[in-house]
Amino acid sequence: MVDLKAHAADTSLPHSSLAQAFVDIYEFPVLMIVALSDGTIVHKMNANDFLDMEMKVVNLGFSDPSSQNYYKFLMEGIEKAETILQQKH
């Protein structure tokens, strides 16, 4: 986070505004983010919320429920990204 804040603060660096956008939404202790290449944040989840998710065992080929939930988080992010990209074009 220190490096990200430093990059955001140095406006002479490329993408400092993108770094600032990520700093602005950060939630302690860890934030998982799915973003488009232009910096548009399409999906995010705090690690504490992730750990609080219901740990259902669904046979998706994963050995533990947290892997399944992470996969679900990523798939939701991809779906949201696809929707946003379709709206932009």
PDB file of N, CA and C in Angstrom:
ATOM      1  N   MET A   1       0.826  -1.186   0.000  1.00  0.00           N
ATOM      2  CA  MET A   1       0.000   0.000   0.000  1.00  0.00           C
ATOM      3  C   MET A   1       0.873   1.254   0.000  1.00  0.00           C
ATOM      4  N   VAL A   2       2.015   1.177   0.653  1.00  0.00           N
ATOM      5  CA  VAL A   2       2.916   2.327   0.703  1.00  0.00           C
ATOM      6  C   VAL A   2       3.369   2.705  -0.706  1.00  0.00           C
ATOM      7  N   ASP A   3       3.742   1.707  -1.510  1.00  0.00           N
ATOM      8  CA  ASP A   3       4.178   1.973  -2.881  1.00  0.00           C
ATOM      9  C   ASP A   3       3.048   2.566  -3.715  1.00  0.00           C
ATOM     10  N   LEU A   4       1.849   2.061  -3.525  1.00  0.00           N
ATOM     11  CA  LEU A   4       0.700   2.564  -4.275  1.00  0.00           C
ATOM     12  C   LEU A   4       0.422   4.023  -3.913  1.00  0.00           C
ATOM     13  N   LYS A   5       0.492   4.341  -2.631  1.00  0.00           N
ATOM     14  CA  LYS A   5       0.283   5.729  -2.200  1.00  0.00           C
ATOM     15  C   LYS A   5       1.365   6.646  -2.755  1.00  0.00           C
ATOM     16  N   ALA A   6       2.605   6.175  -2.765  1.00  0.00           N
ATOM     17  CA  ALA A   6       3.705   6.983  -3.300  1.00  0.00           C
ATOM     18  C   ALA A   6       3.508   7.226  -4.792  1.00  0.00           C
ATOM     19  N   HIS A   7       3.093   6.206  -5.506  1.00  0.00           N
ATOM     20  CA  HIS A   7       2.847   6.346  -6.946  1.00  0.00           C
ATOM     21  C   HIS A   7       1.692   7.316  -7.191  1.00  0.00           C
ATOM     22  N   ALA A   8       0.658   7.213  -6.379  1.00  0.00           N
ATOM     23  CA  ALA A   8      -0.497   8.106  -6.530  1.00  0.00           C
ATOM     24  C   ALA A   8      -0.115   9.555  -6.251  1.00  0.00           C
ATOM     25  N   ALA A   9       0.766   9.761  -5.301  1.00  0.00           N
ATOM     26  CA  ALA A   9       1.153  11.119  -4.912  1.00  0.00           C
ATOM     27  C   ALA A   9       2.050  11.797  -5.943  1.00  0.00           C
ATOM     28  N   ASP A  10       2.783  11.011  -6.712  1.00  0.00           N
ATOM     29  CA  ASP A  10       3.708  11.569  -7.702  1.00  0.00           C
ATOM     30  C   ASP A  10       2.995  11.682  -9.044  1.00  0.00           C
ATOM     31  N   THR A  11       2.396  12.829  -9.283  1.00  0.00           N
ATOM     32  CA  THR A  11       1.591  13.016 -10.499  1.00  0.00           C
ATOM     33  C   THR A  11       2.428  13.033 -11.774  1.00  0.00           C
ATOM     34  N   SER A  12       3.746  13.059 -11.639  1.00  0.00           N
ATOM     35  CA  SER A  12       4.590  12.994 -12.838  1.00  0.00           C
ATOM     36  C   SER A  12       4.695  11.562 -13.365  1.00  0.00           C
ATOM     37  N   LEU A  13       4.321  10.595 -12.542  1.00  0.00           N
ATOM     38  CA  LEU A  13       4.380   9.194 -12.962  1.00  0.00           C
ATOM     39  C   LEU A  13       3.162   8.832 -13.804  1.00  0.00           C
ATOM     40  N   PRO A  14       3.377   7.942 -14.783  1.00  0.00           N
ATOM     41  CA  PRO A  14       2.216   7.504 -15.564  1.00  0.00           C
ATOM     42  C   PRO A  14       1.241   6.747 -14.663  1.00  0.00           C
ATOM     43  N   HIS A  15       0.003   6.917 -14.903  1.00  0.00           N
ATOM     44  CA  HIS A  15      -1.071   6.206 -14.196  1.00  0.00           C
ATOM     45  C   HIS A  15      -1.192   6.574 -12.722  1.00  0.00           C
ATOM     46  N   SER A  16      -0.685   7.731 -12.326  1.00  0.00           N
ATOM     47  CA  SER A  16      -0.816   8.119 -10.918  1.00  0.00           C
ATOM     48  C   SER A  16      -2.286   8.291 -10.540  1.00  0.00           C
ATOM     49  N   SER A  17      -3.108   8.720 -11.488  1.00  0.00           N
ATOM     50  CA  SER A  17      -4.538   8.877 -11.182  1.00  0.00           C
ATOM     51  C   SER A  17      -5.202   7.516 -10.964  1.00  0.00           C
ATOM     52  N   LEU A  18      -4.750   6.501 -11.695  1.00  0.00           N
ATOM     53  CA  LEU A  18      -5.277   5.154 -11.469  1.00  0.00           C
ATOM     54  C   LEU A  18      -4.859   4.643 -10.095  1.00  0.00           C
ATOM     55  N   ALA A  19      -3.617   4.898  -9.742  1.00  0.00           N
ATOM     56  CA  ALA A  19      -3.143   4.492  -8.418  1.00  0.00           C
ATOM     57  C   ALA A  19      -3.974   5.175  -7.336  1.00  0.00           C
ATOM     58  N   GLN A  20      -4.283   6.446  -7.534  1.00  0.00           N
ATOM     59  CA  GLN A  20      -5.084   7.175  -6.552  1.00  0.00           C
ATOM     60  C   GLN A  20      -6.491   6.590  -6.451  1.00  0.00           C
ATOM     61  N   ALA A  21      -7.052   6.170  -7.564  1.00  0.00           N
ATOM     62  CA  ALA A  21      -8.392   5.564  -7.539  1.00  0.00           C
ATOM     63  C   ALA A  21      -8.405   4.303  -6.678  1.00  0.00           C
ATOM     64  N   PHE A  22      -7.345   3.524  -6.762  1.00  0.00           N
ATOM     65  CA  PHE A  22      -7.261   2.314  -5.946  1.00  0.00           C
ATOM     66  C   PHE A  22      -7.013   2.650  -4.478  1.00  0.00           C
ATOM     67  N   VAL A  23      -6.217   3.674  -4.224  1.00  0.00           N
ATOM     68  CA  VAL A  23      -5.993   4.119  -2.845  1.00  0.00           C
ATOM     69  C   VAL A  23      -7.320   4.583  -2.232  1.00  0.00           C
ATOM     70  N   ASP A  24      -8.119   5.285  -3.018  1.00  0.00           N
ATOM     71  CA  ASP A  24      -9.382   5.836  -2.520  1.00  0.00           C
ATOM     72  C   ASP A  24     -10.380   4.768  -2.089  1.00  0.00           C
ATOM     73  N   ILE A  25     -10.372   3.613  -2.742  1.00  0.00           N
ATOM     74  CA  ILE A  25     -11.358   2.586  -2.395  1.00  0.00           C
ATOM     75  C   ILE A  25     -10.820   1.534  -1.437  1.00  0.00           C
ATOM     76  N   TYR A  26      -9.539   1.594  -1.119  1.00  0.00           N
ATOM     77  CA  TYR A  26      -8.914   0.569  -0.286  1.00  0.00           C
ATOM     78  C   TYR A  26      -9.602   0.452   1.070  1.00  0.00           C
ATOM     79  N   GLU A  27      -9.807  -0.783   1.498  1.00  0.00           N
ATOM     80  CA  GLU A  27     -10.350  -1.081   2.820  1.00  0.00           C
ATOM     81  C   GLU A  27      -9.402  -2.047   3.518  1.00  0.00           C
ATOM     82  N   PHE A  28      -9.039  -1.721   4.744  1.00  0.00           N
ATOM     83  CA  PHE A  28      -8.138  -2.548   5.539  1.00  0.00           C
ATOM     84  C   PHE A  28      -8.806  -3.877   5.857  1.00  0.00           C
ATOM     85  N   PRO A  29      -8.137  -5.001   5.909  1.00  0.00           N
ATOM     86  CA  PRO A  29      -6.707  -5.225   5.742  1.00  0.00           C
ATOM     87  C   PRO A  29      -6.317  -5.540   4.299  1.00  0.00           C
ATOM     88  N   VAL A  30      -7.188  -6.198   3.572  1.00  0.00           N
ATOM     89  CA  VAL A  30      -6.893  -6.571   2.186  1.00  0.00           C
ATOM     90  C   VAL A  30      -8.154  -6.370   1.365  1.00  0.00           C
ATOM     91  N   LEU A  31      -7.986  -5.834   0.182  1.00  0.00           N
ATOM     92  CA  LEU A  31      -9.121  -5.641  -0.708  1.00  0.00           C
ATOM     93  C   LEU A  31      -8.831  -6.355  -2.018  1.00  0.00           C
ATOM     94  N   MET A  32      -9.740  -7.224  -2.408  1.00  0.00           N
ATOM     95  CA  MET A  32      -9.631  -7.898  -3.704  1.00  0.00           C
ATOM     96  C   MET A  32     -10.390  -7.040  -4.707  1.00  0.00           C
ATOM     97  N   ILE A  33      -9.771  -6.801  -5.860  1.00  0.00           N
ATOM     98  CA  ILE A  33     -10.355  -5.903  -6.851  1.00  0.00           C
ATOM     99  C   ILE A  33     -10.277  -6.541  -8.235  1.00  0.00           C
ATOM    100  N   VAL A  34     -11.361  -6.388  -8.988  1.00  0.00           N
ATOM    101  CA  VAL A  34     -11.353  -6.701 -10.416  1.00  0.00           C
ATOM    102  C   VAL A  34     -11.565  -5.365 -11.117  1.00  0.00           C
ATOM    103  N   ALA A  35     -10.631  -5.014 -11.997  1.00  0.00           N
ATOM    104  CA  ALA A  35     -10.699  -3.721 -12.676  1.00  0.00           C
ATOM    105  C   ALA A  35     -10.409  -3.892 -14.158  1.00  0.00           C
ATOM    106  N   LEU A  36     -10.966  -2.978 -14.932  1.00  0.00           N
ATOM    107  CA  LEU A  36     -10.661  -2.938 -16.363  1.00  0.00           C
ATOM    108  C   LEU A  36      -9.290  -2.299 -16.553  1.00  0.00           C
ATOM    109  N   SER A  37      -8.740  -2.449 -17.734  1.00  0.00           N
ATOM    110  CA  SER A  37      -7.403  -1.911 -18.003  1.00  0.00           C
ATOM    111  C   SER A  37      -7.349  -0.389 -17.915  1.00  0.00           C
ATOM    112  N   ASP A  38      -8.508   0.276 -18.025  1.00  0.00           N
ATOM    113  CA  ASP A  38      -8.525   1.735 -17.898  1.00  0.00           C
ATOM    114  C   ASP A  38      -8.683   2.189 -16.447  1.00  0.00           C
ATOM    115  N   GLY A  39      -8.701   1.231 -15.519  1.00  0.00           N
ATOM    116  CA  GLY A  39      -8.803   1.552 -14.103  1.00  0.00           C
ATOM    117  C   GLY A  39     -10.206   1.517 -13.545  1.00  0.00           C
ATOM    118  N   THR A  40     -11.196   1.280 -14.388  1.00  0.00           N
ATOM    119  CA  THR A  40     -12.569   1.185 -13.911  1.00  0.00           C
ATOM    120  C   THR A  40     -12.693  -0.018 -12.984  1.00  0.00           C
ATOM    121  N   ILE A  41     -13.110   0.236 -11.771  1.00  0.00           N
ATOM    122  CA  ILE A  41     -13.256  -0.832 -10.785  1.00  0.00           C
ATOM    123  C   ILE A  41     -14.643  -1.430 -10.951  1.00  0.00           C
ATOM    124  N   VAL A  42     -14.684  -2.717 -11.270  1.00  0.00           N
ATOM    125  CA  VAL A  42     -15.967  -3.352 -11.554  1.00  0.00           C
ATOM    126  C   VAL A  42     -16.458  -4.242 -10.421  1.00  0.00           C
ATOM    127  N   HIS A  43     -15.548  -4.669  -9.557  1.00  0.00           N
ATOM    128  CA  HIS A  43     -15.948  -5.563  -8.467  1.00  0.00           C
ATOM    129  C   HIS A  43     -14.877  -5.503  -7.392  1.00  0.00           C
ATOM    130  N   LYS A  44     -15.316  -5.496  -6.138  1.00  0.00           N
ATOM    131  CA  LYS A  44     -14.352  -5.483  -5.043  1.00  0.00           C
ATOM    132  C   LYS A  44     -14.943  -6.196  -3.842  1.00  0.00           C
ATOM    133  N   MET A  45     -14.055  -6.710  -3.004  1.00  0.00           N
ATOM    134  CA  MET A  45     -14.490  -7.361  -1.776  1.00  0.00           C
ATOM    135  C   MET A  45     -13.362  -7.281  -0.750  1.00  0.00           C
ATOM    136  N   ASN A  46     -13.729  -6.855   0.436  1.00  0.00           N
ATOM    137  CA  ASN A  46     -12.798  -6.814   1.550  1.00  0.00           C
ATOM    138  C   ASN A  46     -12.540  -8.239   2.026  1.00  0.00           C
ATOM    139  N   ALA A  47     -11.323  -8.506   2.436  1.00  0.00           N
ATOM    140  CA  ALA A  47     -10.957  -9.852   2.890  1.00  0.00           C
ATOM    141  C   ALA A  47     -11.816 -10.307   4.067  1.00  0.00           C
ATOM    142  N   ASN A  48     -12.168  -9.392   4.956  1.00  0.00           N
ATOM    143  CA  ASN A  48     -13.018  -9.778   6.086  1.00  0.00           C
ATOM    144  C   ASN A  48     -14.385 -10.252   5.599  1.00  0.00           C
ATOM    145  N   ASP A  49     -14.941  -9.565   4.603  1.00  0.00           N
ATOM    146  CA  ASP A  49     -16.223  -9.994   4.036  1.00  0.00           C
ATOM    147  C   ASP A  49     -16.080 -11.343   3.338  1.00  0.00           C
ATOM    148  N   PHE A  50     -14.954 -11.528   2.669  1.00  0.00           N
ATOM    149  CA  PHE A  50     -14.687 -12.798   1.999  1.00  0.00           C
ATOM    150  C   PHE A  50     -14.661 -13.939   3.011  1.00  0.00           C
ATOM    151  N   LEU A  51     -13.992 -13.708   4.128  1.00  0.00           N
ATOM    152  CA  LEU A  51     -13.896 -14.750   5.153  1.00  0.00           C
ATOM    153  C   LEU A  51     -15.235 -15.023   5.821  1.00  0.00           C
ATOM    154  N   ASP A  52     -16.123 -14.028   5.811  1.00  0.00           N
ATOM    155  CA  ASP A  52     -17.446 -14.193   6.410  1.00  0.00           C
ATOM    156  C   ASP A  52     -18.450 -14.857   5.474  1.00  0.00           C
ATOM    157  N   MET A  53     -18.060 -15.055   4.212  1.00  0.00           N
ATOM    158  CA  MET A  53     -18.978 -15.684   3.258  1.00  0.00           C
ATOM    159  C   MET A  53     -19.317 -17.097   3.712  1.00  0.00           C
ATOM    160  N   GLU A  54     -20.512 -17.486   3.369  1.00  0.00           N
ATOM    161  CA  GLU A  54     -20.924 -18.853   3.683  1.00  0.00           C
ATOM    162  C   GLU A  54     -20.041 -19.814   2.906  1.00  0.00           C
ATOM    163  N   MET A  55     -19.528 -20.790   3.584  1.00  0.00           N
ATOM    164  CA  MET A  55     -18.614 -21.742   2.969  1.00  0.00           C
ATOM    165  C   MET A  55     -19.353 -23.019   2.581  1.00  0.00           C
ATOM    166  N   LYS A  56     -20.107 -22.924   1.509  1.00  0.00           N
ATOM    167  CA  LYS A  56     -20.804 -24.099   1.002  1.00  0.00           C
ATOM    168  C   LYS A  56     -19.833 -24.948   0.199  1.00  0.00           C
ATOM    169  N   VAL A  57     -20.001 -26.220   0.307  1.00  0.00           N
ATOM    170  CA  VAL A  57     -19.187 -27.113  -0.502  1.00  0.00           C
ATOM    171  C   VAL A  57     -19.980 -27.444  -1.758  1.00  0.00           C
ATOM    172  N   VAL A  58     -19.500 -26.920  -2.865  1.00  0.00           N
ATOM    173  CA  VAL A  58     -20.110 -27.166  -4.162  1.00  0.00           C
ATOM    174  C   VAL A  58     -19.031 -27.822  -5.010  1.00  0.00           C
ATOM    175  N   ASN A  59     -19.382 -28.830  -5.706  1.00  0.00           N
ATOM    176  CA  ASN A  59     -18.381 -29.560  -6.471  1.00  0.00           C
ATOM    177  C   ASN A  59     -18.027 -28.812  -7.751  1.00  0.00           C
ATOM    178  N   LEU A  60     -17.069 -27.899  -7.646  1.00  0.00           N
ATOM    179  CA  LEU A  60     -16.559 -27.178  -8.810  1.00  0.00           C
ATOM    180  C   LEU A  60     -15.117 -27.580  -9.097  1.00  0.00           C
ATOM    181  N   GLY A  61     -14.671 -28.627  -8.437  1.00  0.00           N
ATOM    182  CA  GLY A  61     -13.313 -29.102  -8.646  1.00  0.00           C
ATOM    183  C   GLY A  61     -12.292 -28.494  -7.707  1.00  0.00           C
ATOM    184  N   PHE A  62     -12.742 -27.773  -6.693  1.00  0.00           N
ATOM    185  CA  PHE A  62     -11.826 -27.167  -5.733  1.00  0.00           C
ATOM    186  C   PHE A  62     -11.778 -28.008  -4.469  1.00  0.00           C
ATOM    187  N   SER A  63     -10.629 -27.981  -3.811  1.00  0.00           N
ATOM    188  CA  SER A  63     -10.459 -28.808  -2.620  1.00  0.00           C
ATOM    189  C   SER A  63     -10.960 -28.139  -1.345  1.00  0.00           C
ATOM    190  N   ASP A  64     -11.161 -26.822  -1.379  1.00  0.00           N
ATOM    191  CA  ASP A  64     -11.653 -26.161  -0.172  1.00  0.00           C
ATOM    192  C   ASP A  64     -12.658 -25.065  -0.539  1.00  0.00           C
ATOM    193  N   PRO A  65     -13.570 -24.769   0.372  1.00  0.00           N
ATOM    194  CA  PRO A  65     -14.620 -23.782   0.088  1.00  0.00           C
ATOM    195  C   PRO A  65     -14.099 -22.375  -0.200  1.00  0.00           C
ATOM    196  N   SER A  66     -12.991 -21.964   0.404  1.00  0.00           N
ATOM    197  CA  SER A  66     -12.500 -20.605   0.141  1.00  0.00           C
ATOM    198  C   SER A  66     -12.038 -20.453  -1.306  1.00  0.00           C
ATOM    199  N   SER A  67     -11.476 -21.498  -1.879  1.00  0.00           N
ATOM    200  CA  SER A  67     -11.098 -21.448  -3.301  1.00  0.00           C
ATOM    201  C   SER A  67     -12.333 -21.299  -4.172  1.00  0.00           C
ATOM    202  N   GLN A  68     -13.384 -22.006  -3.808  1.00  0.00           N
ATOM    203  CA  GLN A  68     -14.639 -21.896  -4.552  1.00  0.00           C
ATOM    204  C   GLN A  68     -15.207 -20.490  -4.455  1.00  0.00           C
ATOM    205  N   ASN A  69     -15.149 -19.891  -3.267  1.00  0.00           N
ATOM    206  CA  ASN A  69     -15.667 -18.534  -3.095  1.00  0.00           C
ATOM    207  C   ASN A  69     -14.823 -17.511  -3.853  1.00  0.00           C
ATOM    208  N   TYR A  70     -13.514 -17.723  -3.889  1.00  0.00           N
ATOM    209  CA  TYR A  70     -12.652 -16.818  -4.654  1.00  0.00           C
ATOM    210  C   TYR A  70     -12.971 -16.937  -6.144  1.00  0.00           C
ATOM    211  N   TYR A  71     -13.162 -18.144  -6.603  1.00  0.00           N
ATOM    212  CA  TYR A  71     -13.551 -18.375  -7.992  1.00  0.00           C
ATOM    213  C   TYR A  71     -14.873 -17.660  -8.292  1.00  0.00           C
ATOM    214  N   LYS A  72     -15.819 -17.776  -7.372  1.00  0.00           N
ATOM    215  CA  LYS A  72     -17.116 -17.111  -7.540  1.00  0.00           C
ATOM    216  C   LYS A  72     -16.927 -15.594  -7.616  1.00  0.00           C
ATOM    217  N   PHE A  73     -16.087 -15.042  -6.738  1.00  0.00           N
ATOM    218  CA  PHE A  73     -15.792 -13.611  -6.757  1.00  0.00           C
ATOM    219  C   PHE A  73     -15.230 -13.192  -8.117  1.00  0.00           C
ATOM    220  N   LEU A  74     -14.267 -13.954  -8.619  1.00  0.00           N
ATOM    221  CA  LEU A  74     -13.664 -13.626  -9.911  1.00  0.00           C
ATOM    222  C   LEU A  74     -14.673 -13.725 -11.047  1.00  0.00           C
ATOM    223  N   MET A  75     -15.496 -14.748 -11.044  1.00  0.00           N
ATOM    224  CA  MET A  75     -16.498 -14.908 -12.100  1.00  0.00           C
ATOM    225  C   MET A  75     -17.521 -13.767 -12.067  1.00  0.00           C
ATOM    226  N   GLU A  76     -17.925 -13.351 -10.869  1.00  0.00           N
ATOM    227  CA  GLU A  76     -18.831 -12.208 -10.755  1.00  0.00           C
ATOM    228  C   GLU A  76     -18.173 -10.954 -11.316  1.00  0.00           C
ATOM    229  N   GLY A  77     -16.887 -10.785 -11.032  1.00  0.00           N
ATOM    230  CA  GLY A  77     -16.152  -9.638 -11.559  1.00  0.00           C
ATOM    231  C   GLY A  77     -16.074  -9.655 -13.071  1.00  0.00           C
ATOM    232  N   ILE A  78     -15.839 -10.822 -13.634  1.00  0.00           N
ATOM    233  CA  ILE A  78     -15.779 -10.946 -15.094  1.00  0.00           C
ATOM    234  C   ILE A  78     -17.133 -10.624 -15.713  1.00  0.00           C
ATOM    235  N   GLU A  79     -18.202 -11.122 -15.108  1.00  0.00           N
ATOM    236  CA  GLU A  79     -19.544 -10.835 -15.623  1.00  0.00           C
ATOM    237  C   GLU A  79     -19.839  -9.336 -15.575  1.00  0.00           C
ATOM    238  N   LYS A  80     -19.480  -8.692 -14.475  1.00  0.00           N
ATOM    239  CA  LYS A  80     -19.697  -7.247 -14.357  1.00  0.00           C
ATOM    240  C   LYS A  80     -18.853  -6.489 -15.376  1.00  0.00           C
ATOM    241  N   ALA A  81     -17.618  -6.935 -15.572  1.00  0.00           N
ATOM    242  CA  ALA A  81     -16.737  -6.286 -16.546  1.00  0.00           C
ATOM    243  C   ALA A  81     -17.308  -6.414 -17.952  1.00  0.00           C
ATOM    244  N   GLU A  82     -17.798  -7.594 -18.287  1.00  0.00           N
ATOM    245  CA  GLU A  82     -18.388  -7.796 -19.615  1.00  0.00           C
ATOM    246  C   GLU A  82     -19.584  -6.875 -19.828  1.00  0.00           C
ATOM    247  N   THR A  83     -20.414  -6.720 -18.811  1.00  0.00           N
ATOM    248  CA  THR A  83     -21.574  -5.835 -18.911  1.00  0.00           C
ATOM    249  C   THR A  83     -21.134  -4.395 -19.143  1.00  0.00           C
ATOM    250  N   ILE A  84     -20.149  -3.949 -18.394  1.00  0.00           N
ATOM    251  CA  ILE A  84     -19.655  -2.575 -18.538  1.00  0.00           C
ATOM    252  C   ILE A  84     -19.038  -2.371 -19.918  1.00  0.00           C
ATOM    253  N   LEU A  85     -18.264  -3.336 -20.376  1.00  0.00           N
ATOM    254  CA  LEU A  85     -17.634  -3.212 -21.693  1.00  0.00           C
ATOM    255  C   LEU A  85     -18.676  -3.181 -22.809  1.00  0.00           C
ATOM    256  N   GLN A  86     -19.731  -3.957 -22.672  1.00  0.00           N
ATOM    257  CA  GLN A  86     -20.797  -3.942 -23.674  1.00  0.00           C
ATOM    258  C   GLN A  86     -21.494  -2.587 -23.700  1.00  0.00           C
ATOM    259  N   GLN A  87     -21.660  -1.967 -22.538  1.00  0.00           N
ATOM    260  CA  GLN A  87     -22.309  -0.656 -22.465  1.00  0.00           C
ATOM    261  C   GLN A  87     -21.428   0.436 -23.066  1.00  0.00           C
ATOM    262  N   LYS A  88     -20.110   0.271 -22.964  1.00  0.00           N
ATOM    263  CA  LYS A  88     -19.186   1.270 -23.500  1.00  0.00           C
ATOM    264  C   LYS A  88     -19.100   1.218 -25.018  1.00  0.00           C
ATOM    265  N   HIS A  89     -19.440   0.080 -25.595  1.00  0.00           N
ATOM    266  CA  HIS A  89     -19.306  -0.059 -27.047  1.00  0.00           C
ATOM    267  C   HIS A  89     -20.639  -0.015 -27.664  1.00  0.00           C
TER     268      HIS A  89
END
